[in-house]
Structure formats: C-alpha cells, structure tokens
Amino acid sequence: IMLLMSKTMQVISITHLPQIAAKGHSHFKVYKEDVNEETITKLTQLNQEERIVEIAQMLGGKKITDSAVVHAKSLLQ
C-alpha cells in the first residue's frame, strides 16, 4: 500500500521495523539529546553506510553482529 501511495505522493514513515526502513528512498534518524538539562529532538539524514548500521541495530540491538550487517545489506538491495 505504501509503495502504491509513494507513486503519487510523498510518504513519510516513522518506524522501528527494519523491513520498512530499508524500503525508503531516504533514511533519517530521529534521536534525542540532553543539553543543559533540556531534551532536544534531532534529525539527521543517513548515508548508505549509516543506513546499514542503523538497520543492523534495528535487527539485533546496540551490539552489531556480522549476521545483522549481512541481513541489513540484503534488506537494502
């Protein structure tokens, strides 16, 4: 459904699912930082290598394994 929608409109998806994140044309990471006792939400666009790392983390957690990286790369193809 999202693929069909994206042919005629812009689709923005916020997800924790690596299968969905890998299908996007662009990948942005949304994260929070605490600065001077204030929480700030930040957004950064990921390059291809950063996408692999981020999707591998979605698949396996903070500790990135070789198998998670291989799986992340296969999802991006």
PDB file of N, CA and C in Angstrom:
ATOM      1  N   ILE A   1       0.832  -1.192   0.000  1.00  0.00           N
ATOM      2  CA  ILE A   1       0.000   0.000   0.000  1.00  0.00           C
ATOM      3  C   ILE A   1       0.879   1.259   0.000  1.00  0.00           C
ATOM      4  N   MET A   2       1.920   1.241   0.841  1.00  0.00           N
ATOM      5  CA  MET A   2       2.790   2.421   0.913  1.00  0.00           C
ATOM      6  C   MET A   2       3.535   2.645  -0.406  1.00  0.00           C
ATOM      7  N   LEU A   3       3.946   1.566  -1.047  1.00  0.00           N
ATOM      8  CA  LEU A   3       4.624   1.684  -2.338  1.00  0.00           C
ATOM      9  C   LEU A   3       3.697   2.307  -3.379  1.00  0.00           C
ATOM     10  N   LEU A   4       2.464   1.859  -3.414  1.00  0.00           N
ATOM     11  CA  LEU A   4       1.479   2.444  -4.331  1.00  0.00           C
ATOM     12  C   LEU A   4       1.267   3.923  -4.042  1.00  0.00           C
ATOM     13  N   MET A   5       1.128   4.256  -2.771  1.00  0.00           N
ATOM     14  CA  MET A   5       0.929   5.649  -2.389  1.00  0.00           C
ATOM     15  C   MET A   5       2.114   6.507  -2.810  1.00  0.00           C
ATOM     16  N   SER A   6       3.326   5.973  -2.694  1.00  0.00           N
ATOM     17  CA  SER A   6       4.520   6.765  -2.969  1.00  0.00           C
ATOM     18  C   SER A   6       4.678   7.124  -4.442  1.00  0.00           C
ATOM     19  N   LYS A   7       3.930   6.477  -5.302  1.00  0.00           N
ATOM     20  CA  LYS A   7       3.998   6.797  -6.728  1.00  0.00           C
ATOM     21  C   LYS A   7       3.317   8.121  -7.058  1.00  0.00           C
ATOM     22  N   THR A   8       2.380   8.543  -6.207  1.00  0.00           N
ATOM     23  CA  THR A   8       1.638   9.767  -6.489  1.00  0.00           C
ATOM     24  C   THR A   8       1.748  10.824  -5.391  1.00  0.00           C
ATOM     25  N   MET A   9       2.411  10.496  -4.279  1.00  0.00           N
ATOM     26  CA  MET A   9       2.533  11.459  -3.183  1.00  0.00           C
ATOM     27  C   MET A   9       3.753  11.142  -2.339  1.00  0.00           C
ATOM     28  N   GLN A  10       4.131  12.078  -1.512  1.00  0.00           N
ATOM     29  CA  GLN A  10       5.242  11.862  -0.600  1.00  0.00           C
ATOM     30  C   GLN A  10       4.739  11.083   0.611  1.00  0.00           C
ATOM     31  N   VAL A  11       5.486  10.045   1.002  1.00  0.00           N
ATOM     32  CA  VAL A  11       5.118   9.234   2.152  1.00  0.00           C
ATOM     33  C   VAL A  11       6.239   9.331   3.176  1.00  0.00           C
ATOM     34  N   ILE A  12       5.894   9.710   4.387  1.00  0.00           N
ATOM     35  CA  ILE A  12       6.851   9.753   5.491  1.00  0.00           C
ATOM     36  C   ILE A  12       6.415   8.719   6.504  1.00  0.00           C
ATOM     37  N   SER A  13       7.331   7.824   6.841  1.00  0.00           N
ATOM     38  CA  SER A  13       7.021   6.745   7.769  1.00  0.00           C
ATOM     39  C   SER A  13       7.996   6.784   8.933  1.00  0.00           C
ATOM     40  N   ILE A  14       7.477   6.745  10.141  1.00  0.00           N
ATOM     41  CA  ILE A  14       8.312   6.624  11.332  1.00  0.00           C
ATOM     42  C   ILE A  14       8.141   5.198  11.814  1.00  0.00           C
ATOM     43  N   THR A  15       9.261   4.455  11.857  1.00  0.00           N
ATOM     44  CA  THR A  15       9.148   3.027  12.136  1.00  0.00           C
ATOM     45  C   THR A  15      10.345   2.510  12.916  1.00  0.00           C
ATOM     46  N   HIS A  16      10.120   1.431  13.624  1.00  0.00           N
ATOM     47  CA  HIS A  16      11.195   0.674  14.270  1.00  0.00           C
ATOM     48  C   HIS A  16      11.384  -0.653  13.543  1.00  0.00           C
ATOM     49  N   LEU A  17      10.682  -0.841  12.440  1.00  0.00           N
ATOM     50  CA  LEU A  17      10.765  -2.084  11.685  1.00  0.00           C
ATOM     51  C   LEU A  17      11.822  -1.964  10.585  1.00  0.00           C
ATOM     52  N   PRO A  18      12.876  -2.776  10.644  1.00  0.00           N
ATOM     53  CA  PRO A  18      13.936  -2.665   9.641  1.00  0.00           C
ATOM     54  C   PRO A  18      13.450  -2.954   8.224  1.00  0.00           C
ATOM     55  N   GLN A  19      12.452  -3.813   8.077  1.00  0.00           N
ATOM     56  CA  GLN A  19      11.935  -4.138   6.750  1.00  0.00           C
ATOM     57  C   GLN A  19      11.283  -2.917   6.101  1.00  0.00           C
ATOM     58  N   ILE A  20      10.646  -2.096   6.887  1.00  0.00           N
ATOM     59  CA  ILE A  20      10.017  -0.867   6.372  1.00  0.00           C
ATOM     60  C   ILE A  20      11.093   0.199   6.123  1.00  0.00           C
ATOM     61  N   ALA A  21      11.993   0.374   7.075  1.00  0.00           N
ATOM     62  CA  ALA A  21      13.048   1.392   6.948  1.00  0.00           C
ATOM     63  C   ALA A  21      13.909   1.156   5.716  1.00  0.00           C
ATOM     64  N   ALA A  22      14.154  -0.089   5.374  1.00  0.00           N
ATOM     65  CA  ALA A  22      15.012  -0.408   4.240  1.00  0.00           C
ATOM     66  C   ALA A  22      14.372  -0.083   2.902  1.00  0.00           C
ATOM     67  N   LYS A  23      13.075   0.076   2.851  1.00  0.00           N
ATOM     68  CA  LYS A  23      12.386   0.312   1.583  1.00  0.00           C
ATOM     69  C   LYS A  23      12.358   1.779   1.168  1.00  0.00           C
ATOM     70  N   GLY A  24      12.690   2.680   2.076  1.00  0.00           N
ATOM     71  CA  GLY A  24      12.623   4.104   1.760  1.00  0.00           C
ATOM     72  C   GLY A  24      13.727   4.553   0.828  1.00  0.00           C
ATOM     73  N   HIS A  25      13.462   5.626   0.098  1.00  0.00           N
ATOM     74  CA  HIS A  25      14.483   6.219  -0.760  1.00  0.00           C
ATOM     75  C   HIS A  25      15.464   7.037   0.065  1.00  0.00           C
ATOM     76  N   SER A  26      14.989   7.636   1.132  1.00  0.00           N
ATOM     77  CA  SER A  26      15.819   8.408   2.058  1.00  0.00           C
ATOM     78  C   SER A  26      15.603   7.849   3.452  1.00  0.00           C
ATOM     79  N   HIS A  27      16.628   7.945   4.279  1.00  0.00           N
ATOM     80  CA  HIS A  27      16.534   7.423   5.633  1.00  0.00           C
ATOM     81  C   HIS A  27      17.034   8.504   6.585  1.00  0.00           C
ATOM     82  N   PHE A  28      16.167   8.905   7.492  1.00  0.00           N
ATOM     83  CA  PHE A  28      16.516   9.887   8.507  1.00  0.00           C
ATOM     84  C   PHE A  28      16.458   9.223   9.873  1.00  0.00           C
ATOM     85  N   LYS A  29      17.388   9.593  10.733  1.00  0.00           N
ATOM     86  CA  LYS A  29      17.377   9.091  12.099  1.00  0.00           C
ATOM     87  C   LYS A  29      16.877  10.206  12.997  1.00  0.00           C
ATOM     88  N   VAL A  30      15.891   9.904  13.823  1.00  0.00           N
ATOM     89  CA  VAL A  30      15.364  10.845  14.805  1.00  0.00           C
ATOM     90  C   VAL A  30      15.874  10.386  16.161  1.00  0.00           C
ATOM     91  N   TYR A  31      16.481  11.301  16.896  1.00  0.00           N
ATOM     92  CA  TYR A  31      17.021  10.939  18.209  1.00  0.00           C
ATOM     93  C   TYR A  31      16.953  12.144  19.141  1.00  0.00           C
ATOM     94  N   LYS A  32      17.152  11.874  20.422  1.00  0.00           N
ATOM     95  CA  LYS A  32      17.090  12.939  21.424  1.00  0.00           C
ATOM     96  C   LYS A  32      18.443  13.097  22.087  1.00  0.00           C
ATOM     97  N   GLU A  33      18.754  14.334  22.467  1.00  0.00           N
ATOM     98  CA  GLU A  33      19.963  14.641  23.224  1.00  0.00           C
ATOM     99  C   GLU A  33      19.576  15.527  24.398  1.00  0.00           C
ATOM    100  N   ASP A  34      20.235  15.314  25.529  1.00  0.00           N
ATOM    101  CA  ASP A  34      20.048  16.181  26.683  1.00  0.00           C
ATOM    102  C   ASP A  34      21.157  17.216  26.678  1.00  0.00           C
ATOM    103  N   VAL A  35      20.768  18.487  26.581  1.00  0.00           N
ATOM    104  CA  VAL A  35      21.716  19.594  26.549  1.00  0.00           C
ATOM    105  C   VAL A  35      21.294  20.607  27.608  1.00  0.00           C
ATOM    106  N   ASN A  36      22.177  20.837  28.581  1.00  0.00           N
ATOM    107  CA  ASN A  36      21.893  21.810  29.644  1.00  0.00           C
ATOM    108  C   ASN A  36      20.525  21.572  30.289  1.00  0.00           C
ATOM    109  N   GLU A  37      20.280  20.336  30.689  1.00  0.00           N
ATOM    110  CA  GLU A  37      19.035  19.940  31.352  1.00  0.00           C
ATOM    111  C   GLU A  37      17.796  20.133  30.472  1.00  0.00           C
ATOM    112  N   GLU A  38      17.991  20.154  29.174  1.00  0.00           N
ATOM    113  CA  GLU A  38      16.892  20.288  28.221  1.00  0.00           C
ATOM    114  C   GLU A  38      17.009  19.153  27.200  1.00  0.00           C
ATOM    115  N   THR A  39      15.892  18.516  26.898  1.00  0.00           N
ATOM    116  CA  THR A  39      15.891  17.452  25.903  1.00  0.00           C
ATOM    117  C   THR A  39      15.580  18.047  24.537  1.00  0.00           C
ATOM    118  N   ILE A  40      16.476  17.772  23.591  1.00  0.00           N
ATOM    119  CA  ILE A  40      16.337  18.307  22.242  1.00  0.00           C
ATOM    120  C   ILE A  40      16.192  17.137  21.274  1.00  0.00           C
ATOM    121  N   THR A  41      15.190  17.218  20.408  1.00  0.00           N
ATOM    122  CA  THR A  41      14.990  16.203  19.376  1.00  0.00           C
ATOM    123  C   THR A  41      15.747  16.634  18.133  1.00  0.00           C
ATOM    124  N   LYS A  42      16.502  15.690  17.564  1.00  0.00           N
ATOM    125  CA  LYS A  42      17.315  15.990  16.385  1.00  0.00           C
ATOM    126  C   LYS A  42      16.969  15.022  15.258  1.00  0.00           C
ATOM    127  N   LEU A  43      17.303  15.450  14.058  1.00  0.00           N
ATOM    128  CA  LEU A  43      17.034  14.673  12.848  1.00  0.00           C
ATOM    129  C   LEU A  43      18.264  14.767  11.959  1.00  0.00           C
ATOM    130  N   THR A  44      18.716  13.620  11.469  1.00  0.00           N
ATOM    131  CA  THR A  44      19.855  13.620  10.565  1.00  0.00           C
ATOM    132  C   THR A  44      19.620  12.618   9.442  1.00  0.00           C
ATOM    133  N   GLN A  45      20.000  13.006   8.227  1.00  0.00           N
ATOM    134  CA  GLN A  45      19.862  12.097   7.086  1.00  0.00           C
ATOM    135  C   GLN A  45      21.056  11.160   7.069  1.00  0.00           C
ATOM    136  N   LEU A  46      20.793   9.873   6.869  1.00  0.00           N
ATOM    137  CA  LEU A  46      21.841   8.861   6.874  1.00  0.00           C
ATOM    138  C   LEU A  46      22.344   8.576   5.466  1.00  0.00           C
ATOM    139  N   ASN A  47      23.655   8.365   5.353  1.00  0.00           N
ATOM    140  CA  ASN A  47      24.213   7.909   4.088  1.00  0.00           C
ATOM    141  C   ASN A  47      24.088   6.384   4.027  1.00  0.00           C
ATOM    142  N   GLN A  48      24.576   5.771   2.979  1.00  0.00           N
ATOM    143  CA  GLN A  48      24.383   4.326   2.782  1.00  0.00           C
ATOM    144  C   GLN A  48      25.014   3.504   3.905  1.00  0.00           C
ATOM    145  N   GLU A  49      26.241   3.840   4.302  1.00  0.00           N
ATOM    146  CA  GLU A  49      26.904   3.100   5.382  1.00  0.00           C
ATOM    147  C   GLU A  49      26.155   3.268   6.698  1.00  0.00           C
ATOM    148  N   GLU A  50      25.710   4.480   6.982  1.00  0.00           N
ATOM    149  CA  GLU A  50      24.966   4.747   8.215  1.00  0.00           C
ATOM    150  C   GLU A  50      23.629   4.010   8.213  1.00  0.00           C
ATOM    151  N   ARG A  51      23.013   3.900   7.043  1.00  0.00           N
ATOM    152  CA  ARG A  51      21.757   3.128   6.931  1.00  0.00           C
ATOM    153  C   ARG A  51      21.992   1.669   7.297  1.00  0.00           C
ATOM    154  N   ILE A  52      23.087   1.098   6.808  1.00  0.00           N
ATOM    155  CA  ILE A  52      23.398  -0.297   7.116  1.00  0.00           C
ATOM    156  C   ILE A  52      23.545  -0.482   8.626  1.00  0.00           C
ATOM    157  N   VAL A  53      24.290   0.415   9.257  1.00  0.00           N
ATOM    158  CA  VAL A  53      24.494   0.329  10.707  1.00  0.00           C
ATOM    159  C   VAL A  53      23.158   0.467  11.448  1.00  0.00           C
ATOM    160  N   GLU A  54      22.359   1.455  11.057  1.00  0.00           N
ATOM    161  CA  GLU A  54      21.078   1.700  11.737  1.00  0.00           C
ATOM    162  C   GLU A  54      20.135   0.512  11.578  1.00  0.00           C
ATOM    163  N   ILE A  55      20.043  -0.043  10.391  1.00  0.00           N
ATOM    164  CA  ILE A  55      19.159  -1.189  10.163  1.00  0.00           C
ATOM    165  C   ILE A  55      19.686  -2.420  10.893  1.00  0.00           C
ATOM    166  N   ALA A  56      21.012  -2.593  10.930  1.00  0.00           N
ATOM    167  CA  ALA A  56      21.600  -3.701  11.693  1.00  0.00           C
ATOM    168  C   ALA A  56      21.257  -3.578  13.170  1.00  0.00           C
ATOM    169  N   GLN A  57      21.263  -2.346  13.699  1.00  0.00           N
ATOM    170  CA  GLN A  57      20.867  -2.131  15.098  1.00  0.00           C
ATOM    171  C   GLN A  57      19.388  -2.435  15.306  1.00  0.00           C
ATOM    172  N   MET A  58      18.557  -2.088  14.341  1.00  0.00           N
ATOM    173  CA  MET A  58      17.133  -2.411  14.429  1.00  0.00           C
ATOM    174  C   MET A  58      16.935  -3.930  14.487  1.00  0.00           C
ATOM    175  N   LEU A  59      17.772  -4.633  13.756  1.00  0.00           N
ATOM    176  CA  LEU A  59      17.657  -6.094  13.694  1.00  0.00           C
ATOM    177  C   LEU A  59      18.178  -6.787  14.949  1.00  0.00           C
ATOM    178  N   GLY A  60      19.285  -6.276  15.521  1.00  0.00           N
ATOM    179  CA  GLY A  60      19.921  -7.032  16.583  1.00  0.00           C
ATOM    180  C   GLY A  60      20.258  -6.283  17.852  1.00  0.00           C
ATOM    181  N   GLY A  61      19.939  -5.006  17.930  1.00  0.00           N
ATOM    182  CA  GLY A  61      20.263  -4.247  19.129  1.00  0.00           C
ATOM    183  C   GLY A  61      21.547  -3.456  18.984  1.00  0.00           C
ATOM    184  N   LYS A  62      21.982  -2.854  20.092  1.00  0.00           N
ATOM    185  CA  LYS A  62      23.154  -1.972  20.080  1.00  0.00           C
ATOM    186  C   LYS A  62      24.421  -2.683  19.625  1.00  0.00           C
ATOM    187  N   LYS A  63      24.603  -3.937  20.059  1.00  0.00           N
ATOM    188  CA  LYS A  63      25.786  -4.694  19.643  1.00  0.00           C
ATOM    189  C   LYS A  63      25.529  -5.256  18.245  1.00  0.00           C
ATOM    190  N   ILE A  64      26.258  -4.726  17.270  1.00  0.00           N
ATOM    191  CA  ILE A  64      26.029  -5.096  15.875  1.00  0.00           C
ATOM    192  C   ILE A  64      26.852  -6.340  15.540  1.00  0.00           C
ATOM    193  N   THR A  65      26.168  -7.376  15.098  1.00  0.00           N
ATOM    194  CA  THR A  65      26.851  -8.617  14.716  1.00  0.00           C
ATOM    195  C   THR A  65      27.063  -8.647  13.199  1.00  0.00           C
ATOM    196  N   ASP A  66      27.969  -9.519  12.773  1.00  0.00           N
ATOM    197  CA  ASP A  66      28.222  -9.678  11.340  1.00  0.00           C
ATOM    198  C   ASP A  66      26.961 -10.130  10.613  1.00  0.00           C
ATOM    199  N   SER A  67      26.196 -11.026  11.244  1.00  0.00           N
ATOM    200  CA  SER A  67      24.984 -11.522  10.592  1.00  0.00           C
ATOM    201  C   SER A  67      23.930 -10.423  10.456  1.00  0.00           C
ATOM    202  N   ALA A  68      23.860  -9.515  11.442  1.00  0.00           N
ATOM    203  CA  ALA A  68      22.916  -8.395  11.346  1.00  0.00           C
ATOM    204  C   ALA A  68      23.305  -7.464  10.199  1.00  0.00           C
ATOM    205  N   VAL A  69      24.604  -7.241   9.999  1.00  0.00           N
ATOM    206  CA  VAL A  69      25.076  -6.385   8.909  1.00  0.00           C
ATOM    207  C   VAL A  69      24.751  -7.026   7.562  1.00  0.00           C
ATOM    208  N   VAL A  70      24.982  -8.327   7.443  1.00  0.00           N
ATOM    209  CA  VAL A  70      24.672  -9.041   6.202  1.00  0.00           C
ATOM    210  C   VAL A  70      23.165  -8.965   5.916  1.00  0.00           C
ATOM    211  N   HIS A  71      22.363  -9.162   6.951  1.00  0.00           N
ATOM    212  CA  HIS A  71      20.911  -9.096   6.776  1.00  0.00           C
ATOM    213  C   HIS A  71      20.475  -7.679   6.396  1.00  0.00           C
ATOM    214  N   ALA A  72      21.070  -6.669   7.038  1.00  0.00           N
ATOM    215  CA  ALA A  72      20.748  -5.269   6.721  1.00  0.00           C
ATOM    216  C   ALA A  72      21.060  -4.967   5.255  1.00  0.00           C
ATOM    217  N   LYS A  73      22.223  -5.411   4.793  1.00  0.00           N
ATOM    218  CA  LYS A  73      22.602  -5.186   3.394  1.00  0.00           C
ATOM    219  C   LYS A  73      21.624  -5.884   2.444  1.00  0.00           C
ATOM    220  N   SER A  74      21.183  -7.072   2.820  1.00  0.00           N
ATOM    221  CA  SER A  74      20.235  -7.779   1.934  1.00  0.00           C
ATOM    222  C   SER A  74      18.887  -7.080   1.899  1.00  0.00           C
ATOM    223  N   LEU A  75      18.465  -6.483   3.011  1.00  0.00           N
ATOM    224  CA  LEU A  75      17.207  -5.738   3.021  1.00  0.00           C
ATOM    225  C   LEU A  75      17.283  -4.497   2.143  1.00  0.00           C
ATOM    226  N   LEU A  76      18.456  -3.902   2.052  1.00  0.00           N
ATOM    227  CA  LEU A  76      18.624  -2.680   1.271  1.00  0.00           C
ATOM    228  C   LEU A  76      18.756  -2.928  -0.229  1.00  0.00           C
ATOM    229  N   GLN A  77      18.911  -4.180  -0.626  1.00  0.00           N
ATOM    230  CA  GLN A  77      19.046  -4.478  -2.060  1.00  0.00           C
ATOM    231  C   GLN A  77      17.717  -4.713  -2.696  1.00  0.00           C
TER     232      GLN A  77
END
